[in-house]
Full PDB file with SEQRES, HELIX, SHEET, SSBOND, CRYST1, ORIGX, SCALE, CONECT and MASTER records, all heavy atoms in Angstrom:
SEQRES   1 A   37  VAL LEU ARG LEU TYR ARG GLU CYS LEU ARG ARG ALA ARG          
SEQRES   2 A   37  PHE ILE GLY HIS ARG GLN HIS ASN THR GLU LEU ILE VAL          
SEQRES   3 A   37  SER MET VAL ARG GLN GLN PHE LYS LYS HIS LYS                  
HELIX    1 AA1 LEU A    2  GLN A   19  1                                  18    
HELIX    2 AA2 THR A   22  LYS A   35  1                                  14    
CRYST1    1.000    1.000    1.000  90.00  90.00  90.00 P 1           1          
ORIGX1      1.000000  0.000000  0.000000        0.00000                         
ORIGX2      0.000000  1.000000  0.000000        0.00000                         
ORIGX3      0.000000  0.000000  1.000000        0.00000                         
SCALE1      1.000000  0.000000  0.000000        0.00000                         
SCALE2      0.000000  1.000000  0.000000        0.00000                         
SCALE3      0.000000  0.000000  1.000000        0.00000                         
ATOM      1  N   VAL A   1     144.162  13.701 151.713  1.00  0.00           N  
ATOM      2  CA  VAL A   1     145.258  12.739 151.617  1.00  0.00           C  
ATOM      3  C   VAL A   1     145.085  11.826 150.410  1.00  0.00           C  
ATOM      4  O   VAL A   1     146.055  11.535 149.701  1.00  0.00           O  
ATOM      5  CB  VAL A   1     145.382  11.913 152.924  1.00  0.00           C  
ATOM      6  CG1 VAL A   1     146.420  10.825 152.775  1.00  0.00           C  
ATOM      7  CG2 VAL A   1     145.720  12.815 154.094  1.00  0.00           C  
ATOM      8  N   LEU A   2     143.871  11.393 150.142  1.00  0.00           N  
ATOM      9  CA  LEU A   2     143.639  10.501 149.005  1.00  0.00           C  
ATOM     10  C   LEU A   2     143.989  11.185 147.687  1.00  0.00           C  
ATOM     11  O   LEU A   2     144.641  10.594 146.814  1.00  0.00           O  
ATOM     12  CB  LEU A   2     142.191  10.009 148.989  1.00  0.00           C  
ATOM     13  CG  LEU A   2     141.839   9.008 147.898  1.00  0.00           C  
ATOM     14  CD1 LEU A   2     142.726   7.773 147.972  1.00  0.00           C  
ATOM     15  CD2 LEU A   2     140.377   8.607 148.011  1.00  0.00           C  
ATOM     16  N   ARG A   3     143.592  12.422 147.533  1.00  0.00           N  
ATOM     17  CA  ARG A   3     143.928  13.149 146.304  1.00  0.00           C  
ATOM     18  C   ARG A   3     145.428  13.393 146.203  1.00  0.00           C  
ATOM     19  O   ARG A   3     146.009  13.315 145.115  1.00  0.00           O  
ATOM     20  CB  ARG A   3     143.181  14.477 146.241  1.00  0.00           C  
ATOM     21  CG  ARG A   3     141.745  14.293 145.905  1.00  0.00           C  
ATOM     22  CD  ARG A   3     141.067  15.609 145.711  1.00  0.00           C  
ATOM     23  NE  ARG A   3     139.668  15.396 145.381  1.00  0.00           N  
ATOM     24  CZ  ARG A   3     138.789  16.352 145.304  1.00  0.00           C  
ATOM     25  NH1 ARG A   3     139.140  17.588 145.523  1.00  0.00           N  
ATOM     26  NH2 ARG A   3     137.543  16.086 144.997  1.00  0.00           N  
ATOM     27  N   LEU A   4     146.067  13.680 147.325  1.00  0.00           N  
ATOM     28  CA  LEU A   4     147.511  13.870 147.346  1.00  0.00           C  
ATOM     29  C   LEU A   4     148.211  12.572 146.932  1.00  0.00           C  
ATOM     30  O   LEU A   4     149.141  12.576 146.132  1.00  0.00           O  
ATOM     31  CB  LEU A   4     147.948  14.311 148.741  1.00  0.00           C  
ATOM     32  CG  LEU A   4     149.390  14.748 148.930  1.00  0.00           C  
ATOM     33  CD1 LEU A   4     149.732  15.914 148.006  1.00  0.00           C  
ATOM     34  CD2 LEU A   4     149.633  15.129 150.376  1.00  0.00           C  
ATOM     35  N   TYR A   5     147.729  11.454 147.454  1.00  0.00           N  
ATOM     36  CA  TYR A   5     148.272  10.140 147.109  1.00  0.00           C  
ATOM     37  C   TYR A   5     148.130   9.879 145.606  1.00  0.00           C  
ATOM     38  O   TYR A   5     149.077   9.458 144.943  1.00  0.00           O  
ATOM     39  CB  TYR A   5     147.536   9.069 147.918  1.00  0.00           C  
ATOM     40  CG  TYR A   5     147.869   7.645 147.563  1.00  0.00           C  
ATOM     41  CD1 TYR A   5     149.119   7.111 147.855  1.00  0.00           C  
ATOM     42  CD2 TYR A   5     146.936   6.819 146.957  1.00  0.00           C  
ATOM     43  CE1 TYR A   5     149.426   5.797 147.538  1.00  0.00           C  
ATOM     44  CE2 TYR A   5     147.227   5.503 146.647  1.00  0.00           C  
ATOM     45  CZ  TYR A   5     148.474   5.001 146.936  1.00  0.00           C  
ATOM     46  OH  TYR A   5     148.777   3.699 146.630  1.00  0.00           O  
ATOM     47  N   ARG A   6     146.949  10.149 145.076  1.00  0.00           N  
ATOM     48  CA  ARG A   6     146.720   9.921 143.649  1.00  0.00           C  
ATOM     49  C   ARG A   6     147.621  10.789 142.783  1.00  0.00           C  
ATOM     50  O   ARG A   6     148.145  10.345 141.767  1.00  0.00           O  
ATOM     51  CB  ARG A   6     145.254  10.174 143.307  1.00  0.00           C  
ATOM     52  CG  ARG A   6     144.340   9.094 143.820  1.00  0.00           C  
ATOM     53  CD  ARG A   6     142.899   9.424 143.532  1.00  0.00           C  
ATOM     54  NE  ARG A   6     142.026   8.371 144.029  1.00  0.00           N  
ATOM     55  CZ  ARG A   6     140.739   8.547 144.265  1.00  0.00           C  
ATOM     56  NH1 ARG A   6     140.159   9.723 144.033  1.00  0.00           N  
ATOM     57  NH2 ARG A   6     140.014   7.552 144.728  1.00  0.00           N  
ATOM     58  N   GLU A   7     147.794  12.033 143.176  1.00  0.00           N  
ATOM     59  CA  GLU A   7     148.659  12.922 142.403  1.00  0.00           C  
ATOM     60  C   GLU A   7     150.117  12.465 142.485  1.00  0.00           C  
ATOM     61  O   GLU A   7     150.851  12.513 141.496  1.00  0.00           O  
ATOM     62  CB  GLU A   7     148.526  14.371 142.878  1.00  0.00           C  
ATOM     63  CG  GLU A   7     149.296  15.361 142.036  1.00  0.00           C  
ATOM     64  CD  GLU A   7     148.899  15.380 140.569  1.00  0.00           C  
ATOM     65  OE1 GLU A   7     147.730  15.099 140.227  1.00  0.00           O  
ATOM     66  OE2 GLU A   7     149.779  15.680 139.731  1.00  0.00           O  
ATOM     67  N   CYS A   8     150.525  11.988 143.643  1.00  0.00           N  
ATOM     68  CA  CYS A   8     151.884  11.448 143.782  1.00  0.00           C  
ATOM     69  C   CYS A   8     152.068  10.239 142.864  1.00  0.00           C  
ATOM     70  O   CYS A   8     153.118  10.085 142.226  1.00  0.00           O  
ATOM     71  CB  CYS A   8     152.174  11.059 145.230  1.00  0.00           C  
ATOM     72  SG  CYS A   8     152.448  12.464 146.328  1.00  0.00           S  
ATOM     73  N   LEU A   9     151.054   9.383 142.802  1.00  0.00           N  
ATOM     74  CA  LEU A   9     151.134   8.219 141.908  1.00  0.00           C  
ATOM     75  C   LEU A   9     151.185   8.645 140.446  1.00  0.00           C  
ATOM     76  O   LEU A   9     151.931   8.065 139.642  1.00  0.00           O  
ATOM     77  CB  LEU A   9     149.956   7.277 142.136  1.00  0.00           C  
ATOM     78  CG  LEU A   9     149.997   6.440 143.403  1.00  0.00           C  
ATOM     79  CD1 LEU A   9     148.736   5.594 143.526  1.00  0.00           C  
ATOM     80  CD2 LEU A   9     151.229   5.565 143.447  1.00  0.00           C  
ATOM     81  N   ARG A  10     150.407   9.654 140.079  1.00  0.00           N  
ATOM     82  CA  ARG A  10     150.442  10.152 138.700  1.00  0.00           C  
ATOM     83  C   ARG A  10     151.853  10.634 138.335  1.00  0.00           C  
ATOM     84  O   ARG A  10     152.382  10.338 137.266  1.00  0.00           O  
ATOM     85  CB  ARG A  10     149.451  11.293 138.502  1.00  0.00           C  
ATOM     86  CG  ARG A  10     148.051  10.845 138.286  1.00  0.00           C  
ATOM     87  CD  ARG A  10     147.135  12.027 137.918  1.00  0.00           C  
ATOM     88  NE  ARG A  10     145.795  11.674 138.270  1.00  0.00           N  
ATOM     89  CZ  ARG A  10     145.153  12.080 139.361  1.00  0.00           C  
ATOM     90  NH1 ARG A  10     145.727  12.909 140.197  1.00  0.00           N  
ATOM     91  NH2 ARG A  10     143.924  11.684 139.611  1.00  0.00           N  
ATOM     92  N   ARG A  11     152.430  11.413 139.242  1.00  0.00           N  
ATOM     93  CA  ARG A  11     153.783  11.930 139.000  1.00  0.00           C  
ATOM     94  C   ARG A  11     154.794  10.790 138.946  1.00  0.00           C  
ATOM     95  O   ARG A  11     155.714  10.799 138.144  1.00  0.00           O  
ATOM     96  CB  ARG A  11     154.189  12.930 140.083  1.00  0.00           C  
ATOM     97  CG  ARG A  11     153.417  14.204 140.043  1.00  0.00           C  
ATOM     98  CD  ARG A  11     153.906  15.075 138.924  1.00  0.00           C  
ATOM     99  NE  ARG A  11     152.956  16.151 138.710  1.00  0.00           N  
ATOM    100  CZ  ARG A  11     153.157  17.136 137.879  1.00  0.00           C  
ATOM    101  NH1 ARG A  11     154.248  17.205 137.172  1.00  0.00           N  
ATOM    102  NH2 ARG A  11     152.252  18.059 137.721  1.00  0.00           N  
ATOM    103  N   ALA A  12     154.621   9.802 139.815  1.00  0.00           N  
ATOM    104  CA  ALA A  12     155.529   8.652 139.835  1.00  0.00           C  
ATOM    105  C   ALA A  12     155.459   7.906 138.501  1.00  0.00           C  
ATOM    106  O   ALA A  12     156.487   7.496 137.955  1.00  0.00           O  
ATOM    107  CB  ALA A  12     155.188   7.725 140.996  1.00  0.00           C  
ATOM    108  N   ARG A  13     154.252   7.733 137.984  1.00  0.00           N  
ATOM    109  CA  ARG A  13     154.100   7.051 136.690  1.00  0.00           C  
ATOM    110  C   ARG A  13     154.739   7.865 135.565  1.00  0.00           C  
ATOM    111  O   ARG A  13     155.384   7.317 134.669  1.00  0.00           O  
ATOM    112  CB  ARG A  13     152.626   6.801 136.392  1.00  0.00           C  
ATOM    113  CG  ARG A  13     152.047   5.690 137.231  1.00  0.00           C  
ATOM    114  CD  ARG A  13     150.610   5.344 136.818  1.00  0.00           C  
ATOM    115  NE  ARG A  13     150.025   4.466 137.803  1.00  0.00           N  
ATOM    116  CZ  ARG A  13     149.131   4.843 138.720  1.00  0.00           C  
ATOM    117  NH1 ARG A  13     148.692   6.089 138.754  1.00  0.00           N  
ATOM    118  NH2 ARG A  13     148.664   3.979 139.592  1.00  0.00           N  
ATOM    119  N   PHE A  14     154.557   9.173 135.626  1.00  0.00           N  
ATOM    120  CA  PHE A  14     155.146  10.054 134.619  1.00  0.00           C  
ATOM    121  C   PHE A  14     156.668   9.958 134.647  1.00  0.00           C  
ATOM    122  O   PHE A  14     157.315   9.756 133.615  1.00  0.00           O  
ATOM    123  CB  PHE A  14     154.688  11.499 134.866  1.00  0.00           C  
ATOM    124  CG  PHE A  14     155.310  12.498 133.944  1.00  0.00           C  
ATOM    125  CD1 PHE A  14     154.841  12.645 132.656  1.00  0.00           C  
ATOM    126  CD2 PHE A  14     156.351  13.296 134.379  1.00  0.00           C  
ATOM    127  CE1 PHE A  14     155.410  13.583 131.796  1.00  0.00           C  
ATOM    128  CE2 PHE A  14     156.929  14.227 133.523  1.00  0.00           C  
ATOM    129  CZ  PHE A  14     156.458  14.369 132.232  1.00  0.00           C  
ATOM    130  N   ILE A  15     157.244  10.088 135.829  1.00  0.00           N  
ATOM    131  CA  ILE A  15     158.701  10.011 135.971  1.00  0.00           C  
ATOM    132  C   ILE A  15     159.187   8.624 135.572  1.00  0.00           C  
ATOM    133  O   ILE A  15     160.173   8.479 134.850  1.00  0.00           O  
ATOM    134  CB  ILE A  15     159.132  10.328 137.417  1.00  0.00           C  
ATOM    135  CG1 ILE A  15     158.804  11.781 137.768  1.00  0.00           C  
ATOM    136  CG2 ILE A  15     160.617  10.062 137.619  1.00  0.00           C  
ATOM    137  CD1 ILE A  15     158.900  12.087 139.248  1.00  0.00           C  
ATOM    138  N   GLY A  16     158.503   7.596 136.049  1.00  0.00           N  
ATOM    139  CA  GLY A  16     158.897   6.227 135.745  1.00  0.00           C  
ATOM    140  C   GLY A  16     158.862   5.927 134.263  1.00  0.00           C  
ATOM    141  O   GLY A  16     159.734   5.232 133.731  1.00  0.00           O  
ATOM    142  N   HIS A  17     157.849   6.445 133.587  1.00  0.00           N  
ATOM    143  CA  HIS A  17     157.734   6.229 132.146  1.00  0.00           C  
ATOM    144  C   HIS A  17     158.929   6.843 131.413  1.00  0.00           C  
ATOM    145  O   HIS A  17     159.492   6.230 130.503  1.00  0.00           O  
ATOM    146  CB  HIS A  17     156.424   6.823 131.619  1.00  0.00           C  
ATOM    147  CG  HIS A  17     156.255   6.681 130.148  1.00  0.00           C  
ATOM    148  ND1 HIS A  17     155.987   5.468 129.544  1.00  0.00           N  
ATOM    149  CD2 HIS A  17     156.339   7.598 129.149  1.00  0.00           C  
ATOM    150  CE1 HIS A  17     155.904   5.650 128.237  1.00  0.00           C  
ATOM    151  NE2 HIS A  17     156.107   6.934 127.974  1.00  0.00           N  
ATOM    152  N   ARG A  18     159.317   8.026 131.843  1.00  0.00           N  
ATOM    153  CA  ARG A  18     160.436   8.713 131.192  1.00  0.00           C  
ATOM    154  C   ARG A  18     161.772   8.050 131.508  1.00  0.00           C  
ATOM    155  O   ARG A  18     162.695   8.102 130.713  1.00  0.00           O  
ATOM    156  CB  ARG A  18     160.472  10.174 131.618  1.00  0.00           C  
ATOM    157  CG  ARG A  18     159.229  10.928 131.150  1.00  0.00           C  
ATOM    158  CD  ARG A  18     159.280  12.341 131.541  1.00  0.00           C  
ATOM    159  NE  ARG A  18     159.787  13.079 130.388  1.00  0.00           N  
ATOM    160  CZ  ARG A  18     160.123  14.340 130.422  1.00  0.00           C  
ATOM    161  NH1 ARG A  18     160.036  15.009 131.536  1.00  0.00           N  
ATOM    162  NH2 ARG A  18     160.566  14.948 129.350  1.00  0.00           N  
ATOM    163  N   GLN A  19     161.872   7.438 132.696  1.00  0.00           N  
ATOM    164  CA  GLN A  19     163.137   6.825 133.106  1.00  0.00           C  
ATOM    165  C   GLN A  19     163.107   5.301 132.980  1.00  0.00           C  
ATOM    166  O   GLN A  19     164.056   4.638 133.383  1.00  0.00           O  
ATOM    167  CB  GLN A  19     163.473   7.226 134.541  1.00  0.00           C  
ATOM    168  CG  GLN A  19     163.681   8.713 134.698  1.00  0.00           C  
ATOM    169  CD  GLN A  19     163.967   9.114 136.133  1.00  0.00           C  
ATOM    170  OE1 GLN A  19     163.891   8.312 137.049  1.00  0.00           O  
ATOM    171  NE2 GLN A  19     164.303  10.378 136.331  1.00  0.00           N  
ATOM    172  N   HIS A  20     162.015   4.772 132.467  1.00  0.00           N  
ATOM    173  CA  HIS A  20     161.864   3.327 132.232  1.00  0.00           C  
ATOM    174  C   HIS A  20     161.968   2.489 133.507  1.00  0.00           C  
ATOM    175  O   HIS A  20     162.541   1.407 133.499  1.00  0.00           O  
ATOM    176  CB  HIS A  20     162.879   2.844 131.187  1.00  0.00           C  
ATOM    177  CG  HIS A  20     162.865   3.671 129.936  1.00  0.00           C  
ATOM    178  ND1 HIS A  20     161.798   3.656 129.059  1.00  0.00           N  
ATOM    179  CD2 HIS A  20     163.763   4.558 129.436  1.00  0.00           C  
ATOM    180  CE1 HIS A  20     162.040   4.497 128.062  1.00  0.00           C  
ATOM    181  NE2 HIS A  20     163.215   5.056 128.269  1.00  0.00           N  
ATOM    182  N   ASN A  21     161.450   3.021 134.611  1.00  0.00           N  
ATOM    183  CA  ASN A  21     161.404   2.265 135.870  1.00  0.00           C  
ATOM    184  C   ASN A  21     160.116   2.576 136.641  1.00  0.00           C  
ATOM    185  O   ASN A  21     160.133   2.783 137.842  1.00  0.00           O  
ATOM    186  CB  ASN A  21     162.642   2.537 136.726  1.00  0.00           C  
ATOM    187  CG  ASN A  21     162.802   4.004 137.090  1.00  0.00           C  
ATOM    188  OD1 ASN A  21     162.070   4.862 136.607  1.00  0.00           O  
ATOM    189  ND2 ASN A  21     163.752   4.294 137.945  1.00  0.00           N  
ATOM    190  N   THR A  22     159.013   2.560 135.917  1.00  0.00           N  
ATOM    191  CA  THR A  22     157.720   2.936 136.484  1.00  0.00           C  
ATOM    192  C   THR A  22     157.364   2.123 137.721  1.00  0.00           C  
ATOM    193  O   THR A  22     156.978   2.690 138.748  1.00  0.00           O  
ATOM    194  CB  THR A  22     156.605   2.789 135.428  1.00  0.00           C  
ATOM    195  OG1 THR A  22     156.965   3.569 134.294  1.00  0.00           O  
ATOM    196  CG2 THR A  22     155.272   3.257 135.963  1.00  0.00           C  
ATOM    197  N   GLU A  23     157.477   0.810 137.637  1.00  0.00           N  
ATOM    198  CA  GLU A  23     157.079  -0.042 138.762  1.00  0.00           C  
ATOM    199  C   GLU A  23     157.847   0.290 140.025  1.00  0.00           C  
ATOM    200  O   GLU A  23     157.275   0.329 141.116  1.00  0.00           O  
ATOM    201  CB  GLU A  23     157.273  -1.516 138.408  1.00  0.00           C  
ATOM    202  CG  GLU A  23     156.241  -2.037 137.439  1.00  0.00           C  
ATOM    203  CD  GLU A  23     156.415  -3.516 137.157  1.00  0.00           C  
ATOM    204  OE1 GLU A  23     156.773  -4.261 138.092  1.00  0.00           O  
ATOM    205  OE2 GLU A  23     156.186  -3.920 136.012  1.00  0.00           O  
ATOM    206  N   LEU A  24     159.142   0.537 139.898  1.00  0.00           N  
ATOM    207  CA  LEU A  24     159.967   0.852 141.062  1.00  0.00           C  
ATOM    208  C   LEU A  24     159.524   2.155 141.723  1.00  0.00           C  
ATOM    209  O   LEU A  24     159.316   2.204 142.939  1.00  0.00           O  
ATOM    210  CB  LEU A  24     161.435   0.956 140.651  1.00  0.00           C  
ATOM    211  CG  LEU A  24     162.405   1.414 141.746  1.00  0.00           C  
ATOM    212  CD1 LEU A  24     162.455   0.381 142.860  1.00  0.00           C  
ATOM    213  CD2 LEU A  24     163.772   1.671 141.159  1.00  0.00           C  
ATOM    214  N   ILE A  25     159.349   3.194 140.943  1.00  0.00           N  
ATOM    215  CA  ILE A  25     158.993   4.498 141.505  1.00  0.00           C  
ATOM    216  C   ILE A  25     157.585   4.477 142.105  1.00  0.00           C  
ATOM    217  O   ILE A  25     157.362   4.993 143.198  1.00  0.00           O  
ATOM    218  CB  ILE A  25     159.148   5.613 140.452  1.00  0.00           C  
ATOM    219  CG1 ILE A  25     160.636   5.729 140.077  1.00  0.00           C  
ATOM    220  CG2 ILE A  25     158.623   6.938 140.971  1.00  0.00           C  
ATOM    221  CD1 ILE A  25     160.936   6.710 138.989  1.00  0.00           C  
ATOM    222  N   VAL A  26     156.646   3.855 141.411  1.00  0.00           N  
ATOM    223  CA  VAL A  26     155.275   3.754 141.935  1.00  0.00           C  
ATOM    224  C   VAL A  26     155.275   2.960 143.240  1.00  0.00           C  
ATOM    225  O   VAL A  26     154.611   3.338 144.208  1.00  0.00           O  
ATOM    226  CB  VAL A  26     154.327   3.132 140.889  1.00  0.00           C  
ATOM    227  CG1 VAL A  26     152.990   2.745 141.503  1.00  0.00           C  
ATOM    228  CG2 VAL A  26     154.108   4.106 139.736  1.00  0.00           C  
ATOM    229  N   SER A  27     156.032   1.873 143.288  1.00  0.00           N  
ATOM    230  CA  SER A  27     156.058   1.074 144.529  1.00  0.00           C  
ATOM    231  C   SER A  27     156.692   1.856 145.668  1.00  0.00           C  
ATOM    232  O   SER A  27     156.279   1.711 146.828  1.00  0.00           O  
ATOM    233  CB  SER A  27     156.770  -0.261 144.313  1.00  0.00           C  
ATOM    234  OG  SER A  27     158.154  -0.115 144.293  1.00  0.00           O  
ATOM    235  N   MET A  28     157.664   2.714 145.385  1.00  0.00           N  
ATOM    236  CA  MET A  28     158.265   3.539 146.433  1.00  0.00           C  
ATOM    237  C   MET A  28     157.238   4.512 147.010  1.00  0.00           C  
ATOM    238  O   MET A  28     157.164   4.697 148.232  1.00  0.00           O  
ATOM    239  CB  MET A  28     159.470   4.300 145.881  1.00  0.00           C  
ATOM    240  CG  MET A  28     160.661   3.405 145.598  1.00  0.00           C  
ATOM    241  SD  MET A  28     161.992   4.215 144.672  1.00  0.00           S  
ATOM    242  CE  MET A  28     162.380   5.626 145.663  1.00  0.00           C  
ATOM    243  N   VAL A  29     156.443   5.127 146.138  1.00  0.00           N  
ATOM    244  CA  VAL A  29     155.397   6.050 146.611  1.00  0.00           C  
ATOM    245  C   VAL A  29     154.378   5.287 147.457  1.00  0.00           C  
ATOM    246  O   VAL A  29     154.021   5.724 148.555  1.00  0.00           O  
ATOM    247  CB  VAL A  29     154.705   6.756 145.416  1.00  0.00           C  
ATOM    248  CG1 VAL A  29     153.454   7.492 145.869  1.00  0.00           C  
ATOM    249  CG2 VAL A  29     155.668   7.698 144.719  1.00  0.00           C  
ATOM    250  N   ARG A  30     153.936   4.144 146.962  1.00  0.00           N  
ATOM    251  CA  ARG A  30     152.954   3.349 147.710  1.00  0.00           C  
ATOM    252  C   ARG A  30     153.493   2.928 149.075  1.00  0.00           C  
ATOM    253  O   ARG A  30     152.771   2.967 150.060  1.00  0.00           O  
ATOM    254  CB  ARG A  30     152.561   2.114 146.909  1.00  0.00           C  
ATOM    255  CG  ARG A  30     151.621   2.423 145.788  1.00  0.00           C  
ATOM    256  CD  ARG A  30     151.072   1.162 145.157  1.00  0.00           C  
ATOM    257  NE  ARG A  30     150.061   1.522 144.191  1.00  0.00           N  
ATOM    258  CZ  ARG A  30     150.009   1.056 142.958  1.00  0.00           C  
ATOM    259  NH1 ARG A  30     150.904   0.173 142.544  1.00  0.00           N  
ATOM    260  NH2 ARG A  30     149.058   1.443 142.149  1.00  0.00           N  
ATOM    261  N   GLN A  31     154.758   2.514 149.116  1.00  0.00           N  
ATOM    262  CA  GLN A  31     155.360   2.102 150.386  1.00  0.00           C  
ATOM    263  C   GLN A  31     155.330   3.220 151.405  1.00  0.00           C  
ATOM    264  O   GLN A  31     155.027   2.988 152.582  1.00  0.00           O  
ATOM    265  CB  GLN A  31     156.810   1.666 150.175  1.00  0.00           C  
ATOM    266  CG  GLN A  31     156.982   0.282 149.656  1.00  0.00           C  
ATOM    267  CD  GLN A  31     158.462  -0.046 149.443  1.00  0.00           C  
ATOM    268  OE1 GLN A  31     159.323   0.826 149.481  1.00  0.00           O  
ATOM    269  NE2 GLN A  31     158.736  -1.321 149.223  1.00  0.00           N  
ATOM    270  N   GLN A  32     155.664   4.429 150.973  1.00  0.00           N  
ATOM    271  CA  GLN A  32     155.689   5.552 151.910  1.00  0.00           C  
ATOM    272  C   GLN A  32     154.294   5.849 152.472  1.00  0.00           C  
ATOM    273  O   GLN A  32     154.151   6.118 153.659  1.00  0.00           O  
ATOM    274  CB  GLN A  32     156.273   6.799 151.246  1.00  0.00           C  
ATOM    275  CG  GLN A  32     157.757   6.726 151.051  1.00  0.00           C  
ATOM    276  CD  GLN A  32     158.488   6.520 152.363  1.00  0.00           C  
ATOM    277  OE1 GLN A  32     158.304   7.253 153.328  1.00  0.00           O  
ATOM    278  NE2 GLN A  32     159.303   5.478 152.412  1.00  0.00           N  
ATOM    279  N   PHE A  33     153.286   5.809 151.626  1.00  0.00           N  
ATOM    280  CA  PHE A  33     151.933   6.056 152.119  1.00  0.00           C  
ATOM    281  C   PHE A  33     151.454   4.911 153.014  1.00  0.00           C  
ATOM    282  O   PHE A  33     150.847   5.153 154.053  1.00  0.00           O  
ATOM    283  CB  PHE A  33     150.960   6.295 150.957  1.00  0.00           C  
ATOM    284  CG  PHE A  33     150.939   7.726 150.484  1.00  0.00           C  
ATOM    285  CD1 PHE A  33     151.860   8.175 149.549  1.00  0.00           C  
ATOM    286  CD2 PHE A  33     150.008   8.623 150.976  1.00  0.00           C  
ATOM    287  CE1 PHE A  33     151.853   9.492 149.109  1.00  0.00           C  
ATOM    288  CE2 PHE A  33     149.992   9.946 150.549  1.00  0.00           C  
ATOM    289  CZ  PHE A  33     150.914  10.375 149.616  1.00  0.00           C  
ATOM    290  N   LYS A  34     151.737   3.664 152.630  1.00  0.00           N  
ATOM    291  CA  LYS A  34     151.323   2.512 153.446  1.00  0.00           C  
ATOM    292  C   LYS A  34     152.024   2.506 154.797  1.00  0.00           C  
ATOM    293  O   LYS A  34     151.432   2.157 155.815  1.00  0.00           O  
ATOM    294  CB  LYS A  34     151.622   1.200 152.717  1.00  0.00           C  
ATOM    295  CG  LYS A  34     150.620   0.865 151.653  1.00  0.00           C  
ATOM    296  CD  LYS A  34     150.943  -0.475 151.021  1.00  0.00           C  
ATOM    297  CE  LYS A  34     149.948  -0.787 149.918  1.00  0.00           C  
ATOM    298  NZ  LYS A  34     150.230  -2.065 149.270  1.00  0.00           N  
ATOM    299  N   LYS A  35     153.276   2.895 154.792  1.00  0.00           N  
ATOM    300  CA  LYS A  35     154.074   2.912 156.016  1.00  0.00           C  
ATOM    301  C   LYS A  35     153.428   3.793 157.093  1.00  0.00           C  
ATOM    302  O   LYS A  35     153.526   3.504 158.277  1.00  0.00           O  
ATOM    303  CB  LYS A  35     155.480   3.421 155.673  1.00  0.00           C  
ATOM    304  CG  LYS A  35     156.456   3.467 156.794  1.00  0.00           C  
ATOM    305  CD  LYS A  35     157.811   3.825 156.187  1.00  0.00           C  
ATOM    306  CE  LYS A  35     158.677   4.569 157.151  1.00  0.00           C  
ATOM    307  NZ  LYS A  35     159.947   4.967 156.549  1.00  0.00           N  
ATOM    308  N   HIS A  36     152.754   4.834 156.679  1.00  0.00           N  
ATOM    309  CA  HIS A  36     152.187   5.803 157.617  1.00  0.00           C  
ATOM    310  C   HIS A  36     150.662   5.810 157.642  1.00  0.00           C  
ATOM    311  O   HIS A  36     150.051   6.735 158.169  1.00  0.00           O  
ATOM    312  CB  HIS A  36     152.700   7.200 157.277  1.00  0.00           C  
ATOM    313  CG  HIS A  36     154.185   7.305 157.298  1.00  0.00           C  
ATOM    314  ND1 HIS A  36     154.906   7.266 158.460  1.00  0.00           N  
ATOM    315  CD2 HIS A  36     155.096   7.407 156.297  1.00  0.00           C  
ATOM    316  CE1 HIS A  36     156.190   7.366 158.188  1.00  0.00           C  
ATOM    317  NE2 HIS A  36     156.332   7.441 156.875  1.00  0.00           N  
ATOM    318  N   LYS A  37     150.034   4.772 157.087  1.00  0.00           N  
ATOM    319  CA  LYS A  37     148.572   4.785 156.954  1.00  0.00           C  
ATOM    320  C   LYS A  37     147.835   4.772 158.294  1.00  0.00           C  
ATOM    321  O   LYS A  37     146.700   5.221 158.374  1.00  0.00           O  
ATOM    322  CB  LYS A  37     148.103   3.615 156.098  1.00  0.00           C  
ATOM    323  CG  LYS A  37     148.219   2.276 156.773  1.00  0.00           C  
ATOM    324  CD  LYS A  37     147.699   1.170 155.903  1.00  0.00           C  
ATOM    325  CE  LYS A  37     147.813  -0.128 156.667  1.00  0.00           C  
ATOM    326  NZ  LYS A  37     147.248  -1.238 155.977  1.00  0.00           N  
TER     327      LYS A  37                                                      
MASTER        0    0    0    2    0    0    0    6  326    1    0    3          
END                                                                             
């Protein structure tokens, strides 16, 4: 799960960088993992 989480964050940063909304996308990924921790 930890590696899956990290890879999701990497992808979120990549997508966010390209769409200029990195913080929003990364926070969405973090919220989903925290919600079910």
